Amino acid sequence: MFRSEYADVPPVELPIHDAVLARAAEFGSTAALIDGTDGTTLTYEQVDRFHRRVAAALAEAGVRKGDVLALHSPNTVAFPLAFYAATRAGASVTTIHPLATAEEFGRQLADSGARWIVTVSPLLQTARRAAELAGGVEEILVCDSAPGHRSLIDMLASTAPEPQVAIDPAEDVAALPYSSGTTGTPKGVMLTHRQIATNLAQLEPLITAGPGDRVLAVLPFFHIYGLTALMNAPLRKGATVVVLPRFDLETFLTAIQNHRITGLYVAPPIVLALAKHPLVAEYDLSSLKHIISAAAPLDASLAAACSQRLGLPPVGQAYGMTELSPNIHHSPESRHLLTFCSYSAAHCDARVSVRVRVPTTGSVGSHVCGVGVRLPGGEPPLALMGAATGVEAERLVREDRGPNHSWWGGDQQVQGLPRPRTGRGGLVLRSSAKTKPLLRVRRGAPAVSSGAPRCVVLRAHSIVRDRAVNTVRRVAPYKRVRHVTFIDAVPRAASGKILRRELRAQSEEPS
C-alpha cells in the first residue's frame, strides 16, 4: 500500500464560489482573468462583485435552488462569472461542449433537467434548437449580446438583492459535467460543492500557483480538468488566468510570450507541439517555470524532449477522473520526478498487486507490478455522489462500500512510481466516443476503435455505409469517424485480448 505523503485534509464545508473567491478582497486589484486575444481584464474585486450582481439577476429571473443551468461556451473571461453566479443563486451547472450538435446538446439538457441556458452569440442557433428539442427551458441568456436575449453584461446593472441561499456543501450539487461515455451512454457526474472544494485543498501542496504567477487556460473550462486546474485552483490562490477560447499554436505561443505565462496545464498533443514544431523557436517562452500534462498518458521520451527544448524541469503529469473532481495523482511542481504522476493527493491511497504476463513464446511468464488507486475507507471527501439518469439521480454504490471503492489501473515502474495506463480502470478511452455513433446504427453491433479517427466494424453485422455516414454527421466534429474498415473477425490473443497491432494494420486502408 502506497500512502500519500501529504497529510489528510478535512472536508471543505463551503459553497464552491466562496471556497474559490474567499480571498478576492485580499487580491483586490490583481488581474484575475485576462482575455488572451483582446486583453480584456477583470480584477479579483471585479470578479467577486460582478458574479454577485449576475447571481442577483438570475435569482430575480427565477433561478432557484435545485435548478440546473447549462453553460454552453468556449473559454471566455465571462465563463467563471456565469459559473459562480449560478452556484451562488443555488443552481447546479452542467457544462456543454461548444462543438456539441443541437441533438447532443438537447439530450444533455433533457437528461440533466436544465431549465436555463447561458451561451455565446455565435452558438445561439445551436442552443435555440437544443432547447426546442429538449423542452422545459425557461430562458436562454448570452455572455456577450444578441437581439432578443438578456446578457450577463446587462445583468451587471441589476439592483436586485443578492440571493441568500442555504447551500449544504455535502449534499448540494455544484457541477454536473458529463462523462465521455467510455463504457456506456454519457452520464452527468454529480459533484457537490464539498467534493470540488476539498479537491482544491488536497491539491494545494501540489499546485503552487499564486500571486505573481500567470496560468494559460487553453484547455476547456467545460471539462473537469480545465474547471479545476485552470479556473478554480488558480483563482483560489490569487494567480492570473489568461484565457484562450481554443488551441491554435501561433495564438498559444503568442499568449505565452506577451503575457509572460509561468505555468502550463496541457494535454499530450500540446506537449508534442512544444517539443517538435519549428514555430516554437520563433517565440520567447523563457517565462515558463513548469508544465503539467494530463487527460492522457504522456510518453517519457516526448516529455524529456519538451523539457530539454524549453530548458524546463521535467514535464510533470497528473491523473484523475471526472468522478473525483478530478485530481488524485499529481507531480509536485517543485520536483517532477521521471515525468510520472508520482504523488498521491492527500487522502488517497495506492495498492500494489502482481499479475502474470504470459509471453508470446516460451513457457515462463514474467511478474509485472500493477498499481490501483482508491480512496481511504469511511467517508472520503471526494466520494462520488451519483450520476444523473434522466430527471432522477442514481446512486452509484458498489457492494455497499461506497462509489469509489474499486481499483483504478496503472503500471508500477521499477522506481516505485505509479504511471497511468491507457484503457484500464478510470482512464478515458479517447476513441470510444467515435465508435458509439456506429453502434447506434444497429444496436448490439460490436465496433472496435483502432485509434483516432478510424473505426473497425465486424462485417457480419451488415452495417450499411450510408447509414453510418448519416449517423456520424449528427455528432460533434471531434466525434466523427473519418474511416470505417469492415472485418470478418476481431483478432484476439489466446487470452482473449484484442490484438490492436493487427487491427491497425487492417485499418490502414478503409474498406
Protein backbone atom coordinates (compact mmCIF):
# COMPACT_ATOMS: atom_id res chain seq x y z
CA MET A 1 0.00 0.00 0.00
CA PHE A 2 1.39 3.38 -1.00
CA ARG A 3 0.03 6.17 1.17
CA SER A 4 0.10 9.79 0.16
CA GLU A 5 2.99 11.58 1.83
CA TYR A 6 0.73 14.57 2.38
CA ALA A 7 -1.44 14.92 5.45
CA ASP A 8 -5.14 14.22 5.09
CA VAL A 9 -7.23 17.33 4.68
CA PRO A 10 -10.57 17.89 6.38
CA PRO A 11 -13.59 18.29 4.09
CA VAL A 12 -14.05 21.90 2.97
CA GLU A 13 -17.59 22.75 4.00
CA LEU A 14 -18.04 25.78 1.75
CA PRO A 15 -20.00 26.51 -1.42
CA ILE A 16 -17.59 26.44 -4.35
CA HIS A 17 -17.97 30.17 -5.08
CA ASP A 18 -16.92 31.01 -1.52
CA ALA A 19 -14.16 28.40 -1.48
CA VAL A 20 -12.62 29.93 -4.61
CA LEU A 21 -13.29 33.64 -4.09
CA ALA A 22 -12.94 33.88 -0.31
CA ARG A 23 -9.71 35.93 -0.70
CA ALA A 24 -10.89 38.11 -3.58
CA ALA A 25 -10.87 41.23 -1.41
CA GLU A 26 -7.28 40.47 -0.38
CA PHE A 27 -6.17 40.15 -4.01
CA GLY A 28 -8.24 43.22 -4.94
CA SER A 29 -6.78 44.97 -7.98
CA THR A 30 -4.70 41.96 -9.06
CA ALA A 31 -5.69 40.75 -12.51
CA ALA A 32 -7.77 37.60 -12.11
CA LEU A 33 -8.81 36.96 -15.73
CA ILE A 34 -7.29 38.25 -18.96
CA ASP A 35 -8.64 37.55 -22.43
CA GLY A 36 -5.57 36.30 -24.27
CA THR A 37 -6.86 37.53 -27.62
CA ASP A 38 -8.03 41.10 -26.94
CA GLY A 39 -6.58 41.88 -23.49
CA THR A 40 -9.89 42.38 -21.65
CA THR A 41 -9.01 42.19 -17.96
CA LEU A 42 -11.06 41.54 -14.83
CA THR A 43 -9.55 42.08 -11.39
CA TYR A 44 -10.35 39.93 -8.39
CA GLU A 45 -12.51 42.72 -6.99
CA GLN A 46 -14.48 42.83 -10.24
CA VAL A 47 -14.90 39.06 -10.48
CA ASP A 48 -16.29 38.98 -6.95
CA ARG A 49 -18.59 41.96 -7.44
CA PHE A 50 -19.74 41.03 -10.95
CA HIS A 51 -20.64 37.43 -10.16
CA ARG A 52 -22.71 38.58 -7.18
CA ARG A 53 -24.65 41.01 -9.40
CA VAL A 54 -25.27 38.31 -12.01
CA ALA A 55 -26.39 35.94 -9.25
CA ALA A 56 -28.88 38.56 -8.06
CA ALA A 57 -30.20 38.96 -11.61
CA LEU A 58 -30.50 35.21 -12.07
CA ALA A 59 -32.43 34.89 -8.82
CA GLU A 60 -34.68 37.76 -9.91
CA ALA A 61 -35.28 35.94 -13.23
CA GLY A 62 -36.46 32.87 -11.34
CA VAL A 63 -33.39 30.69 -10.83
CA ARG A 64 -33.90 28.73 -7.64
CA LYS A 65 -32.03 26.21 -5.55
CA GLY A 66 -32.16 22.84 -7.27
CA ASP A 67 -32.36 24.28 -10.79
CA VAL A 68 -29.83 23.21 -13.40
CA LEU A 69 -28.21 25.84 -15.61
CA ALA A 70 -26.46 24.75 -18.82
CA LEU A 71 -23.26 26.68 -19.50
CA HIS A 72 -22.55 26.44 -23.23
CA SER A 73 -19.46 28.42 -24.07
CA PRO A 74 -15.81 28.23 -25.06
CA ASN A 75 -13.30 29.69 -22.62
CA THR A 76 -14.00 33.39 -22.03
CA VAL A 77 -13.49 35.73 -19.09
CA ALA A 78 -17.28 35.55 -18.60
CA PHE A 79 -17.31 31.78 -18.08
CA PRO A 80 -16.21 31.89 -14.41
CA LEU A 81 -18.67 34.73 -13.74
CA ALA A 82 -21.55 32.66 -15.09
CA PHE A 83 -20.46 29.56 -13.19
CA TYR A 84 -20.05 31.22 -9.79
CA ALA A 85 -23.18 33.34 -10.27
CA ALA A 86 -25.26 30.24 -10.95
CA THR A 87 -23.94 28.35 -7.93
CA ARG A 88 -24.44 31.40 -5.70
CA ALA A 89 -28.04 31.54 -6.90
CA GLY A 90 -28.40 27.90 -5.83
CA ALA A 91 -28.27 26.22 -9.22
CA SER A 92 -26.14 23.33 -10.40
CA VAL A 93 -24.12 23.95 -13.55
CA THR A 94 -23.98 21.40 -16.35
CA THR A 95 -21.24 22.30 -18.80
CA ILE A 96 -21.77 21.74 -22.53
CA HIS A 97 -19.13 21.17 -25.19
CA PRO A 98 -19.20 24.21 -27.54
CA LEU A 99 -18.96 21.87 -30.55
CA ALA A 100 -21.94 19.75 -29.49
CA THR A 101 -24.63 19.42 -32.11
CA ALA A 102 -28.17 20.54 -31.30
CA GLU A 103 -29.18 16.91 -30.87
CA GLU A 104 -26.34 16.18 -28.45
CA PHE A 105 -26.98 19.41 -26.58
CA GLY A 106 -30.69 18.67 -26.41
CA ARG A 107 -30.12 15.21 -24.96
CA GLN A 108 -27.93 16.65 -22.21
CA LEU A 109 -30.49 19.33 -21.44
CA ALA A 110 -33.23 16.73 -21.13
CA ASP A 111 -31.10 14.28 -19.15
CA SER A 112 -29.92 16.89 -16.66
CA GLY A 113 -33.28 18.66 -16.40
CA ALA A 114 -31.71 22.04 -17.24
CA ARG A 115 -34.14 24.98 -17.19
CA TRP A 116 -31.70 27.75 -18.09
CA ILE A 117 -29.01 28.17 -20.74
CA VAL A 118 -26.10 30.60 -20.81
CA THR A 119 -24.32 30.64 -24.17
CA VAL A 120 -22.46 33.00 -26.52
CA SER A 121 -23.95 34.64 -29.61
CA PRO A 122 -22.03 32.52 -32.18
CA LEU A 123 -23.55 29.37 -30.62
CA LEU A 124 -27.04 30.79 -30.17
CA GLN A 125 -28.65 28.95 -33.08
CA THR A 126 -27.49 25.58 -31.70
CA ALA A 127 -28.70 26.49 -28.22
CA ARG A 128 -32.14 27.52 -29.51
CA ARG A 129 -32.58 24.29 -31.44
CA ALA A 130 -31.39 22.22 -28.47
CA ALA A 131 -33.90 23.98 -26.21
CA GLU A 132 -36.68 23.17 -28.68
CA LEU A 133 -35.69 19.52 -28.78
CA ALA A 134 -35.41 19.17 -25.00
CA GLY A 135 -38.29 21.33 -23.86
CA GLY A 136 -38.61 22.86 -20.42
CA VAL A 137 -36.03 25.64 -20.91
CA GLU A 138 -37.18 28.88 -19.29
CA GLU A 139 -34.73 31.29 -20.91
CA ILE A 140 -31.57 31.44 -22.99
CA LEU A 141 -29.07 34.06 -21.82
CA VAL A 142 -25.86 35.15 -23.55
CA CYS A 143 -22.48 36.11 -22.18
CA ASP A 144 -21.97 38.82 -24.79
CA SER A 145 -25.01 40.30 -26.58
CA ALA A 146 -27.69 39.14 -29.02
CA PRO A 147 -31.04 40.64 -30.06
CA GLY A 148 -33.93 39.24 -28.08
CA HIS A 149 -31.79 37.73 -25.33
CA ARG A 150 -30.68 39.10 -22.00
CA SER A 151 -26.94 39.20 -21.50
CA LEU A 152 -24.69 38.86 -18.49
CA ILE A 153 -23.41 42.34 -19.33
CA ASP A 154 -26.91 43.75 -18.83
CA MET A 155 -27.27 41.82 -15.58
CA LEU A 156 -24.31 43.64 -14.05
CA ALA A 157 -26.63 46.62 -13.62
CA SER A 158 -29.16 44.63 -11.58
CA THR A 159 -30.27 46.25 -8.34
CA ALA A 160 -31.94 43.10 -7.04
CA PRO A 161 -30.81 41.85 -3.64
CA GLU A 162 -28.05 39.27 -3.59
CA PRO A 163 -29.58 35.81 -3.10
CA GLN A 164 -29.10 34.26 0.31
CA VAL A 165 -29.35 30.57 -0.47
CA ALA A 166 -28.83 27.93 2.22
CA ILE A 167 -26.38 25.58 0.49
CA ASP A 168 -25.42 22.26 2.05
CA PRO A 169 -21.90 21.68 0.64
CA ALA A 170 -22.05 17.96 1.36
CA GLU A 171 -25.35 17.34 -0.41
CA ASP A 172 -25.99 20.10 -2.94
CA VAL A 173 -24.62 19.56 -6.43
CA ALA A 174 -22.42 22.35 -7.76
CA ALA A 175 -21.37 20.92 -11.11
CA LEU A 176 -22.88 18.34 -13.42
CA PRO A 177 -20.20 17.65 -16.05
CA TYR A 178 -20.92 14.80 -18.43
CA SER A 179 -18.62 11.82 -18.77
CA SER A 180 -17.13 10.90 -22.13
CA GLY A 181 -19.28 7.77 -22.28
CA THR A 182 -16.38 5.33 -22.30
CA THR A 183 -18.42 2.35 -21.14
CA GLY A 184 -21.94 3.47 -21.98
CA THR A 185 -24.16 6.45 -22.56
CA PRO A 186 -22.57 9.65 -21.18
CA LYS A 187 -23.86 10.43 -17.71
CA GLY A 188 -23.87 13.61 -15.70
CA VAL A 189 -21.46 13.27 -12.80
CA MET A 190 -22.93 14.84 -9.67
CA LEU A 191 -20.16 16.80 -7.96
CA THR A 192 -21.09 18.54 -4.74
CA HIS A 193 -19.66 21.82 -3.50
CA ARG A 194 -17.68 19.93 -0.86
CA GLN A 195 -16.18 17.50 -3.35
CA ILE A 196 -14.81 20.18 -5.65
CA ALA A 197 -13.67 22.46 -2.84
CA THR A 198 -11.95 19.63 -0.96
CA ASN A 199 -10.07 18.51 -4.06
CA LEU A 200 -8.69 22.05 -4.32
CA ALA A 201 -7.45 21.77 -0.74
CA GLN A 202 -5.90 18.37 -1.49
CA LEU A 203 -4.01 19.85 -4.43
CA GLU A 204 -2.71 22.88 -2.55
CA PRO A 205 0.78 21.46 -1.88
CA LEU A 206 0.95 20.18 -5.46
CA ILE A 207 -0.29 23.20 -7.40
CA THR A 208 1.63 26.21 -6.09
CA ALA A 209 0.46 28.98 -8.45
CA GLY A 210 -0.27 32.18 -6.53
CA PRO A 211 0.06 35.96 -6.78
CA GLY A 212 2.57 36.86 -9.47
CA ASP A 213 2.03 33.63 -11.40
CA ARG A 214 0.22 33.52 -14.74
CA VAL A 215 -1.54 30.39 -15.96
CA LEU A 216 -2.66 29.96 -19.57
CA ALA A 217 -6.15 28.49 -19.83
CA VAL A 218 -6.21 26.87 -23.25
CA LEU A 219 -7.85 23.60 -22.20
CA PRO A 220 -11.63 23.95 -21.90
CA PHE A 221 -13.35 25.10 -18.73
CA PHE A 222 -16.31 22.86 -19.61
CA HIS A 223 -14.10 19.82 -18.89
CA ILE A 224 -13.37 18.95 -15.27
CA TYR A 225 -9.61 19.24 -15.90
CA GLY A 226 -9.92 22.84 -17.05
CA LEU A 227 -12.58 23.67 -14.48
CA THR A 228 -10.30 22.60 -11.61
CA ALA A 229 -6.71 23.20 -12.76
CA LEU A 230 -7.25 26.31 -14.89
CA MET A 231 -10.19 28.06 -13.24
CA ASN A 232 -10.88 27.11 -9.63
CA ALA A 233 -7.35 26.32 -8.42
CA PRO A 234 -5.51 29.44 -9.67
CA LEU A 235 -8.38 31.82 -8.80
CA ARG A 236 -8.46 30.38 -5.29
CA LYS A 237 -4.82 31.34 -4.75
CA GLY A 238 -4.54 34.73 -6.42
CA ALA A 239 -2.88 33.77 -9.71
CA THR A 240 -3.78 35.42 -13.02
CA VAL A 241 -5.58 33.25 -15.57
CA VAL A 242 -5.03 34.18 -19.24
CA VAL A 243 -7.92 32.75 -21.23
CA LEU A 244 -7.88 31.40 -24.78
CA PRO A 245 -11.09 30.18 -26.47
CA ARG A 246 -9.37 27.37 -28.38
CA PHE A 247 -5.97 25.93 -29.18
CA ASP A 248 -4.16 27.50 -32.10
CA LEU A 249 -0.39 27.06 -31.90
CA GLU A 250 0.54 30.55 -33.04
CA THR A 251 -2.01 32.21 -30.74
CA PHE A 252 -0.93 29.93 -27.91
CA LEU A 253 2.75 30.81 -28.29
CA THR A 254 1.96 34.50 -28.67
CA ALA A 255 -0.01 34.45 -25.42
CA ILE A 256 2.87 32.78 -23.55
CA GLN A 257 5.31 35.38 -24.86
CA ASN A 258 3.17 38.51 -24.46
CA HIS A 259 1.58 37.66 -21.11
CA ARG A 260 4.72 36.10 -19.60
CA ILE A 261 2.98 32.85 -18.71
CA THR A 262 4.64 30.94 -15.86
CA GLY A 263 2.63 27.70 -15.81
CA LEU A 264 1.04 25.47 -18.41
CA TYR A 265 -1.54 22.73 -17.88
CA VAL A 266 -1.91 20.90 -21.17
CA ALA A 267 -2.61 17.58 -22.88
CA PRO A 268 -0.02 15.42 -24.69
CA PRO A 269 -0.70 16.83 -28.20
CA ILE A 270 0.35 20.28 -26.97
CA VAL A 271 3.50 18.81 -25.40
CA LEU A 272 4.23 17.27 -28.80
CA ALA A 273 3.89 20.66 -30.49
CA LEU A 274 6.17 22.30 -27.92
CA ALA A 275 8.76 19.56 -28.39
CA LYS A 276 8.74 19.27 -32.17
CA HIS A 277 7.10 22.16 -34.02
CA PRO A 278 9.55 24.59 -35.68
CA LEU A 279 7.31 27.58 -34.89
CA VAL A 280 8.18 27.27 -31.19
CA ALA A 281 11.71 28.53 -31.85
CA GLU A 282 10.35 31.90 -33.03
CA TYR A 283 8.89 32.84 -29.62
CA ASP A 284 10.29 33.84 -26.24
CA LEU A 285 8.98 31.25 -23.80
CA SER A 286 11.55 32.00 -21.10
CA SER A 287 8.87 32.99 -18.58
CA LEU A 288 7.70 29.38 -18.25
CA LYS A 289 8.55 27.66 -14.98
CA HIS A 290 6.75 24.34 -15.30
CA ILE A 291 4.44 22.26 -17.49
CA ILE A 292 1.91 19.68 -16.34
CA SER A 293 0.31 17.26 -18.79
CA ALA A 294 -2.88 15.31 -18.13
CA ALA A 295 -6.02 13.91 -19.81
CA ALA A 296 -3.97 11.07 -21.37
CA PRO A 297 -0.64 9.34 -20.65
CA LEU A 298 2.45 11.17 -21.85
CA ASP A 299 5.38 9.27 -23.36
CA ALA A 300 8.51 9.74 -21.25
CA SER A 301 10.76 10.44 -24.24
CA LEU A 302 8.37 13.09 -25.54
CA ALA A 303 8.21 14.71 -22.11
CA ALA A 304 12.02 14.77 -21.95
CA ALA A 305 12.25 16.27 -25.44
CA CYS A 306 9.86 19.06 -24.47
CA SER A 307 11.62 19.94 -21.21
CA GLN A 308 15.06 19.85 -22.84
CA ARG A 309 14.00 22.09 -25.71
CA LEU A 310 12.44 24.68 -23.41
CA GLY A 311 15.06 24.41 -20.66
CA LEU A 312 12.48 23.44 -18.04
CA PRO A 313 12.28 20.88 -15.23
CA PRO A 314 10.85 17.55 -16.37
CA VAL A 315 7.28 17.80 -17.62
CA GLY A 316 5.01 16.54 -14.85
CA GLN A 317 1.84 14.53 -15.17
CA ALA A 318 -1.47 14.45 -13.36
CA TYR A 319 -4.14 11.78 -13.21
CA GLY A 320 -7.74 11.84 -12.16
CA MET A 321 -11.29 11.35 -13.32
CA THR A 322 -14.45 13.41 -13.51
CA GLU A 323 -15.98 11.38 -10.68
CA LEU A 324 -13.24 12.52 -8.28
CA SER A 325 -13.42 16.24 -9.02
CA PRO A 326 -10.91 15.21 -10.63
CA ASN A 327 -7.30 15.01 -9.44
CA ILE A 328 -5.88 12.20 -7.29
CA HIS A 329 -2.28 11.97 -8.57
CA HIS A 330 -0.09 14.91 -9.48
CA SER A 331 3.61 15.57 -9.95
CA PRO A 332 4.63 18.30 -7.49
CA GLU A 333 5.71 21.40 -9.38
CA SER A 334 8.84 21.59 -7.22
CA ARG A 335 10.07 18.08 -8.05
CA HIS A 336 8.76 16.50 -11.21
CA LEU A 337 10.21 13.01 -10.89
CA LEU A 338 10.51 10.93 -14.04
CA THR A 339 7.52 12.78 -15.53
CA PHE A 340 5.05 10.36 -13.97
CA CYS A 341 2.06 11.07 -11.68
CA SER A 342 4.38 10.41 -8.81
CA TYR A 343 2.45 11.60 -5.78
CA SER A 344 -1.00 10.84 -4.47
CA ALA A 345 -3.02 13.82 -3.40
CA ALA A 346 -3.84 13.99 0.29
CA HIS A 347 -6.36 11.37 1.46
CA CYS A 348 -5.66 9.00 -1.48
CA ASP A 349 -4.06 5.55 -1.33
CA ALA A 350 -2.49 3.23 -3.90
CA ARG A 351 -2.30 -0.55 -3.67
CA VAL A 352 0.27 -2.68 -5.48
CA SER A 353 -0.73 -6.06 -6.90
CA VAL A 354 1.07 -8.62 -9.05
CA ARG A 355 -0.17 -10.09 -12.29
CA VAL A 356 1.48 -12.57 -14.64
CA ARG A 357 2.27 -11.62 -18.21
CA VAL A 358 2.18 -14.67 -20.49
CA PRO A 359 4.92 -14.44 -23.14
CA THR A 360 4.12 -14.99 -26.80
CA THR A 361 6.92 -17.59 -26.97
CA GLY A 362 8.35 -19.92 -24.36
CA SER A 363 6.67 -21.11 -21.19
CA VAL A 364 7.84 -18.73 -18.47
CA GLY A 365 5.74 -15.72 -17.60
CA SER A 366 7.04 -12.54 -16.03
CA HIS A 367 5.73 -10.87 -12.90
CA VAL A 368 4.53 -7.36 -13.55
CA CYS A 369 3.70 -4.99 -10.76
CA GLY A 370 0.39 -3.18 -11.06
CA VAL A 371 -0.97 -0.27 -9.11
CA GLY A 372 -4.50 0.67 -8.21
CA VAL A 373 -5.81 3.80 -6.57
CA ARG A 374 -8.69 4.12 -4.16
CA LEU A 375 -9.94 6.48 -1.56
CA PRO A 376 -9.50 5.54 2.10
CA GLY A 377 -12.38 3.89 3.92
CA GLY A 378 -15.05 5.73 5.84
CA GLU A 379 -16.43 8.92 4.36
CA PRO A 380 -13.83 10.18 1.89
CA PRO A 381 -14.44 13.80 0.88
CA LEU A 382 -14.25 13.02 -2.84
CA ALA A 383 -16.75 10.16 -2.89
CA LEU A 384 -18.94 10.34 -5.97
CA MET A 385 -22.47 11.35 -5.08
CA GLY A 386 -24.06 9.73 -8.12
CA ALA A 387 -24.79 10.05 -11.80
CA ALA A 388 -27.77 11.75 -13.35
CA THR A 389 -30.05 9.46 -15.33
CA GLY A 390 -32.93 11.49 -16.60
CA VAL A 391 -34.55 13.75 -14.03
CA GLU A 392 -33.74 11.47 -11.10
CA ALA A 393 -30.31 10.63 -9.70
CA GLU A 394 -28.85 7.16 -9.50
CA ARG A 395 -26.67 6.41 -6.51
CA LEU A 396 -23.57 4.51 -7.54
CA VAL A 397 -22.81 2.13 -4.72
CA ARG A 398 -20.71 -0.96 -5.25
CA GLU A 399 -21.25 -3.73 -2.70
CA ASP A 400 -22.33 -1.10 -0.16
CA ARG A 401 -18.74 0.08 0.22
CA GLY A 402 -19.14 3.44 -1.45
CA PRO A 403 -18.95 4.56 -5.05
CA ASN A 404 -15.18 4.62 -5.36
CA HIS A 405 -14.07 1.50 -3.55
CA SER A 406 -12.87 -0.02 -6.81
CA TRP A 407 -9.30 -0.08 -8.03
CA TRP A 408 -8.15 2.04 -10.93
CA GLY A 409 -5.43 0.63 -13.16
CA GLY A 410 -1.88 1.78 -13.69
CA ASP A 411 1.65 0.49 -14.16
CA GLN A 412 4.11 0.35 -11.31
CA GLN A 413 7.52 1.43 -12.55
CA VAL A 414 10.77 -0.09 -11.30
CA GLN A 415 11.46 3.16 -9.48
CA GLY A 416 8.28 2.62 -7.45
CA LEU A 417 6.26 5.43 -9.01
CA PRO A 418 2.79 4.82 -10.46
CA ARG A 419 2.14 5.79 -14.05
CA PRO A 420 -1.25 5.82 -15.81
CA ARG A 421 -2.04 3.09 -18.27
CA THR A 422 -4.42 3.68 -21.14
CA GLY A 423 -7.62 1.77 -21.44
CA ARG A 424 -7.88 0.48 -17.87
CA GLY A 425 -9.86 1.40 -14.80
CA GLY A 426 -10.84 5.04 -14.69
CA LEU A 427 -8.76 6.23 -17.63
CA VAL A 428 -10.65 7.58 -20.61
CA LEU A 429 -10.58 5.54 -23.80
CA ARG A 430 -10.18 8.50 -26.07
CA SER A 431 -11.64 6.90 -29.20
CA SER A 432 -14.78 5.48 -27.61
CA ALA A 433 -16.90 8.49 -28.49
CA LYS A 434 -16.12 7.87 -32.14
CA THR A 435 -17.38 4.28 -32.12
CA LYS A 436 -20.68 4.91 -30.37
CA PRO A 437 -22.46 6.61 -33.28
CA LEU A 438 -21.81 3.49 -35.38
CA LEU A 439 -23.03 1.27 -32.59
CA ARG A 440 -26.29 3.19 -32.63
CA VAL A 441 -26.81 2.34 -36.30
CA ARG A 442 -27.51 -1.21 -35.32
CA ARG A 443 -27.82 -1.93 -31.64
CA GLY A 444 -25.50 -4.64 -30.47
CA ALA A 445 -23.10 -4.50 -33.40
CA PRO A 446 -19.61 -4.60 -31.88
CA ALA A 447 -17.17 -1.96 -33.05
CA VAL A 448 -13.54 -1.71 -32.07
CA SER A 449 -11.65 1.55 -32.06
CA SER A 450 -8.21 1.30 -33.55
CA GLY A 451 -7.13 4.82 -32.68
CA ALA A 452 -8.47 8.17 -33.81
CA PRO A 453 -10.20 8.70 -36.07
CA ARG A 454 -10.82 5.25 -37.55
CA CYS A 455 -13.33 2.57 -36.67
CA VAL A 456 -13.25 -1.18 -37.33
CA VAL A 457 -16.62 -2.94 -37.59
CA LEU A 458 -17.46 -6.60 -37.94
CA ARG A 459 -18.73 -7.26 -41.46
CA ALA A 460 -21.17 -9.89 -40.19
CA HIS A 461 -23.39 -7.20 -38.71
CA SER A 462 -24.02 -5.71 -42.16
CA ILE A 463 -23.94 -2.07 -41.14
CA VAL A 464 -24.79 -0.12 -44.25
CA ARG A 465 -22.19 2.52 -45.04
CA ASP A 466 -24.72 5.18 -45.94
CA ARG A 467 -26.41 4.77 -42.56
CA ALA A 468 -23.05 5.02 -40.82
CA VAL A 469 -22.19 8.21 -42.70
CA ASN A 470 -25.58 9.76 -41.91
CA THR A 471 -25.12 8.88 -38.26
CA VAL A 472 -21.72 10.46 -37.80
CA ARG A 473 -22.98 13.67 -39.39
CA ARG A 474 -25.25 14.12 -36.37
CA VAL A 475 -22.42 14.31 -33.85
CA ALA A 476 -19.82 16.93 -32.98
CA PRO A 477 -16.80 17.13 -35.32
CA TYR A 478 -14.37 15.67 -32.80
CA LYS A 479 -16.52 12.52 -32.54
CA ARG A 480 -16.84 11.86 -36.25
CA VAL A 481 -15.30 8.68 -37.59
CA ARG A 482 -13.32 9.52 -40.72
CA HIS A 483 -12.59 5.97 -41.89
CA VAL A 484 -14.56 2.72 -41.42
CA THR A 485 -12.99 -0.68 -42.05
CA PHE A 486 -15.14 -3.83 -42.18
CA ILE A 487 -13.52 -7.06 -40.98
CA ASP A 488 -14.68 -10.67 -40.74
CA ALA A 489 -13.33 -11.32 -37.24
CA VAL A 490 -11.68 -9.39 -34.41
CA PRO A 491 -8.09 -10.62 -33.99
CA ARG A 492 -7.51 -11.83 -30.45
CA ALA A 493 -4.73 -13.46 -28.47
CA ALA A 494 -5.26 -16.77 -26.69
CA SER A 495 -6.07 -14.79 -23.55
CA GLY A 496 -8.90 -13.00 -25.34
CA LYS A 497 -7.08 -9.68 -25.54
CA ILE A 498 -7.71 -7.72 -28.74
CA LEU A 499 -4.59 -7.53 -30.91
CA ARG A 500 -4.64 -3.83 -31.65
CA ARG A 501 -1.48 -4.01 -33.73
CA GLU A 502 -3.25 -6.28 -36.22
CA LEU A 503 -6.34 -4.06 -36.14
CA ARG A 504 -4.23 -1.05 -37.01
CA ALA A 505 -2.70 -2.91 -39.92
CA GLN A 506 -6.13 -3.92 -41.22
CA SER A 507 -7.48 -0.39 -40.92
CA GLU A 508 -4.70 1.37 -42.80
CA GLU A 509 -6.91 1.42 -45.91
CA PRO A 510 -10.67 1.86 -45.33
CA SER A 511 -12.72 -0.87 -46.93
